[in-house]
Amino acid sequence: MKRSDRELLTTQCYVRDHASNERDGILRGIRDLRARQSVLVDFAPVPGSRIGELAARFDIVLGVTPPE
């Protein structure tokens, strides 16, 4: 997809073990177990947060095909 003269990239991650994951149609549509695991991310509390914020790391690698 393009926007003006730029290519757009859209990605999504999911909170690992979140109760609503099993109701998510996009996540359920990922049949390959390895591919599904690659979008599940561990979130952890932010140290010192007063409002319960969470943080996670979700690396995006372009141009590489994962080994099978």
C-alpha atoms as a PDB file:
ATOM      1  CA  MET A   1       0.000   0.000   0.000  1.00  0.00           C
ATOM      2  CA  LYS A   2       1.214   3.487  -0.734  1.00  0.00           C
ATOM      3  CA  ARG A   3       0.566   6.865   0.780  1.00  0.00           C
ATOM      4  CA  SER A   4       1.740   9.610  -1.506  1.00  0.00           C
ATOM      5  CA  ASP A   5       5.235   8.514  -2.499  1.00  0.00           C
ATOM      6  CA  ARG A   6       5.860   6.279   0.534  1.00  0.00           C
ATOM      7  CA  GLU A   7       5.232   2.601   1.148  1.00  0.00           C
ATOM      8  CA  LEU A   8       3.230   1.926   4.305  1.00  0.00           C
ATOM      9  CA  LEU A   9       3.957  -0.868   6.738  1.00  0.00           C
ATOM     10  CA  THR A  10       1.426  -2.079   9.244  1.00  0.00           C
ATOM     11  CA  THR A  11       2.134  -4.640  11.938  1.00  0.00           C
ATOM     12  CA  GLN A  12       0.475  -5.805  15.095  1.00  0.00           C
ATOM     13  CA  CYS A  13       1.479  -7.576  18.255  1.00  0.00           C
ATOM     14  CA  TYR A  14      -0.550  -9.262  20.961  1.00  0.00           C
ATOM     15  CA  VAL A  15      -0.110  -9.488  24.722  1.00  0.00           C
ATOM     16  CA  ARG A  16       1.004 -13.056  25.439  1.00  0.00           C
ATOM     17  CA  ASP A  17      -1.581 -15.005  27.487  1.00  0.00           C
ATOM     18  CA  HIS A  18      -4.180 -12.210  27.340  1.00  0.00           C
ATOM     19  CA  ALA A  19      -7.700 -13.593  27.778  1.00  0.00           C
ATOM     20  CA  SER A  20      -9.110 -11.894  24.659  1.00  0.00           C
ATOM     21  CA  ASN A  21      -6.502 -13.368  22.285  1.00  0.00           C
ATOM     22  CA  GLU A  22      -8.677 -16.408  21.591  1.00  0.00           C
ATOM     23  CA  ARG A  23     -11.521 -14.136  20.436  1.00  0.00           C
ATOM     24  CA  ASP A  24      -9.319 -12.141  18.051  1.00  0.00           C
ATOM     25  CA  GLY A  25     -10.096 -13.124  14.470  1.00  0.00           C
ATOM     26  CA  ILE A  26      -6.766 -11.954  13.065  1.00  0.00           C
ATOM     27  CA  LEU A  27      -4.708 -13.830  15.639  1.00  0.00           C
ATOM     28  CA  ARG A  28      -6.857 -16.944  15.280  1.00  0.00           C
ATOM     29  CA  GLY A  29      -6.318 -16.732  11.527  1.00  0.00           C
ATOM     30  CA  ILE A  30      -2.575 -17.296  11.970  1.00  0.00           C
ATOM     31  CA  ARG A  31      -2.546 -21.090  11.685  1.00  0.00           C
ATOM     32  CA  ASP A  32       1.221 -21.624  11.650  1.00  0.00           C
ATOM     33  CA  LEU A  33       2.312 -22.014  15.291  1.00  0.00           C
ATOM     34  CA  ARG A  34       5.715 -20.347  14.755  1.00  0.00           C
ATOM     35  CA  ALA A  35       4.155 -17.384  12.977  1.00  0.00           C
ATOM     36  CA  ARG A  36       1.565 -17.053  15.737  1.00  0.00           C
ATOM     37  CA  GLN A  37       4.231 -17.168  18.451  1.00  0.00           C
ATOM     38  CA  SER A  38       6.147 -14.414  16.665  1.00  0.00           C
ATOM     39  CA  VAL A  39       3.362 -11.873  17.278  1.00  0.00           C
ATOM     40  CA  LEU A  40       2.775 -12.785  20.947  1.00  0.00           C
ATOM     41  CA  VAL A  41       4.793 -10.464  23.165  1.00  0.00           C
ATOM     42  CA  ASP A  42       5.594 -10.536  26.883  1.00  0.00           C
ATOM     43  CA  PHE A  43       4.583  -7.286  28.582  1.00  0.00           C
ATOM     44  CA  ALA A  44       5.979  -6.369  32.002  1.00  0.00           C
ATOM     45  CA  PRO A  45       5.227  -3.611  34.508  1.00  0.00           C
ATOM     46  CA  VAL A  46       7.270  -0.431  34.093  1.00  0.00           C
ATOM     47  CA  PRO A  47       9.373   0.001  37.242  1.00  0.00           C
ATOM     48  CA  GLY A  48       8.224   2.976  39.276  1.00  0.00           C
ATOM     49  CA  SER A  49       5.042   3.526  37.263  1.00  0.00           C
ATOM     50  CA  ARG A  50       2.313   5.114  39.343  1.00  0.00           C
ATOM     51  CA  ILE A  51      -0.466   4.129  36.943  1.00  0.00           C
ATOM     52  CA  GLY A  52       0.445   0.511  36.153  1.00  0.00           C
ATOM     53  CA  GLU A  53       1.999   1.046  32.728  1.00  0.00           C
ATOM     54  CA  LEU A  54       3.357  -1.946  30.850  1.00  0.00           C
ATOM     55  CA  ALA A  55       6.247  -2.160  28.390  1.00  0.00           C
ATOM     56  CA  ALA A  56       7.323  -4.712  25.814  1.00  0.00           C
ATOM     57  CA  ARG A  57       9.880  -5.217  23.087  1.00  0.00           C
ATOM     58  CA  PHE A  58       8.630  -6.161  19.623  1.00  0.00           C
ATOM     59  CA  ASP A  59      11.423  -6.393  17.062  1.00  0.00           C
ATOM     60  CA  ILE A  60      10.532  -6.053  13.398  1.00  0.00           C
ATOM     61  CA  VAL A  61      12.941  -7.526  10.867  1.00  0.00           C
ATOM     62  CA  LEU A  62      12.424  -6.741   7.176  1.00  0.00           C
ATOM     63  CA  GLY A  63      13.762  -8.720   4.282  1.00  0.00           C
ATOM     64  CA  VAL A  64      14.474 -11.946   6.155  1.00  0.00           C
ATOM     65  CA  THR A  65      12.551 -15.200   5.861  1.00  0.00           C
ATOM     66  CA  PRO A  66      12.483 -17.120   9.161  1.00  0.00           C
ATOM     67  CA  PRO A  67      14.029 -20.595   8.988  1.00  0.00           C
ATOM     68  CA  GLU A  68      11.610 -23.499   9.186  1.00  0.00           C
END
